[in-house]
Amino acid sequence: MRRTCLFVASLLMSTGLWAMHCPQDMARIDALLAENPAVSVEQLAEVRRLRAEGEALHKAGDHAGSMKVLQQALDLLQAPN
């Protein structure tokens, strides 16, 4: 019983760590956008849309969805032209 309680407690604590990844991705996107990346206007609009969607998902508690969407935005910004 004690081991089960410790296991459950460790799982609950570790999920908070996953949530911390979203703000880092958003800050990374913001930094890349501040550098005026060489992407098309359409790609820039898509990156901004994805970033906003990722932030909304993060605030709603869907951290897995947020990280997926934010990674799509990062991929667009870092894709070779």
Protein backbone atom coordinates (compact mmCIF):
# COMPACT_ATOMS: atom_id res chain seq x y z
CA MET A 1 0.00 0.00 0.00
CA ARG A 2 2.79 2.39 0.90
CA ARG A 3 4.58 1.71 -2.39
CA THR A 4 1.38 2.30 -4.33
CA CYS A 5 0.84 5.65 -2.60
CA LEU A 6 4.44 6.67 -3.30
CA PHE A 7 4.10 5.62 -6.93
CA VAL A 8 0.89 7.60 -7.42
CA ALA A 9 2.40 10.63 -5.69
CA SER A 10 5.47 10.51 -7.92
CA LEU A 11 3.28 10.32 -11.02
CA LEU A 12 1.25 13.31 -9.92
CA MET A 13 4.38 15.34 -9.25
CA SER A 14 6.01 14.42 -12.54
CA THR A 15 3.06 15.60 -14.64
CA GLY A 16 3.72 19.13 -13.41
CA LEU A 17 7.15 18.94 -14.95
CA TRP A 18 5.65 18.20 -18.37
CA ALA A 19 3.65 21.40 -18.17
CA MET A 20 6.84 23.42 -17.89
CA HIS A 21 7.88 22.48 -21.42
CA CYS A 22 5.09 24.49 -23.08
CA PRO A 23 6.21 27.93 -21.84
CA GLN A 24 9.76 27.19 -22.99
CA ASP A 25 8.52 26.34 -26.47
CA MET A 26 6.40 29.51 -26.58
CA ALA A 27 9.40 31.61 -25.52
CA ARG A 28 11.54 29.91 -28.17
CA ILE A 29 8.94 30.69 -30.85
CA ASP A 30 8.74 34.30 -29.67
CA ALA A 31 12.54 34.61 -29.84
CA LEU A 32 12.63 33.18 -33.36
CA LEU A 33 9.83 35.53 -34.46
CA ALA A 34 11.76 38.49 -33.04
CA GLU A 35 14.65 37.63 -35.37
CA ASN A 36 12.43 38.26 -38.42
CA PRO A 37 12.78 34.77 -39.91
CA ALA A 38 13.02 34.31 -43.64
CA VAL A 39 9.63 32.66 -44.10
CA SER A 40 6.67 33.58 -46.25
CA VAL A 41 3.84 35.76 -44.98
CA GLU A 42 1.57 32.70 -45.04
CA GLN A 43 4.03 30.65 -42.97
CA LEU A 44 4.41 33.51 -40.51
CA ALA A 45 0.63 33.71 -40.09
CA GLU A 46 0.46 29.94 -39.58
CA VAL A 47 3.24 30.07 -36.97
CA ARG A 48 1.41 32.80 -35.07
CA ARG A 49 -1.85 30.85 -35.25
CA LEU A 50 -0.18 27.66 -34.02
CA ARG A 51 1.57 29.54 -31.22
CA ALA A 52 -1.74 31.04 -30.05
CA GLU A 53 -3.42 27.63 -30.26
CA GLY A 54 -0.58 26.06 -28.29
CA GLU A 55 -0.89 28.68 -25.57
CA ALA A 56 -4.66 28.14 -25.38
CA LEU A 57 -4.19 24.38 -25.09
CA HIS A 58 -1.58 24.89 -22.37
CA LYS A 59 -3.89 27.14 -20.38
CA ALA A 60 -6.67 24.56 -20.77
CA GLY A 61 -4.41 21.87 -19.31
CA ASP A 62 -3.84 19.93 -22.55
CA HIS A 63 -0.05 19.95 -22.36
CA ALA A 64 0.47 17.08 -24.79
CA GLY A 65 -1.66 18.85 -27.39
CA SER A 66 0.09 22.12 -26.68
CA MET A 67 3.55 20.63 -27.17
CA LYS A 68 2.47 18.99 -30.43
CA VAL A 69 1.07 22.24 -31.86
CA LEU A 70 4.02 24.31 -30.64
CA GLN A 71 6.42 21.83 -32.24
CA GLN A 72 4.61 22.31 -35.56
CA ALA A 73 5.20 26.06 -35.24
CA LEU A 74 8.87 25.51 -34.43
CA ASP A 75 9.23 23.16 -37.40
CA LEU A 76 7.82 25.83 -39.73
CA LEU A 77 10.22 28.44 -38.37
CA GLN A 78 13.26 26.18 -38.56
CA ALA A 79 12.55 24.56 -41.92
CA PRO A 80 15.23 25.21 -44.52
CA ASN A 81 14.08 27.63 -47.20
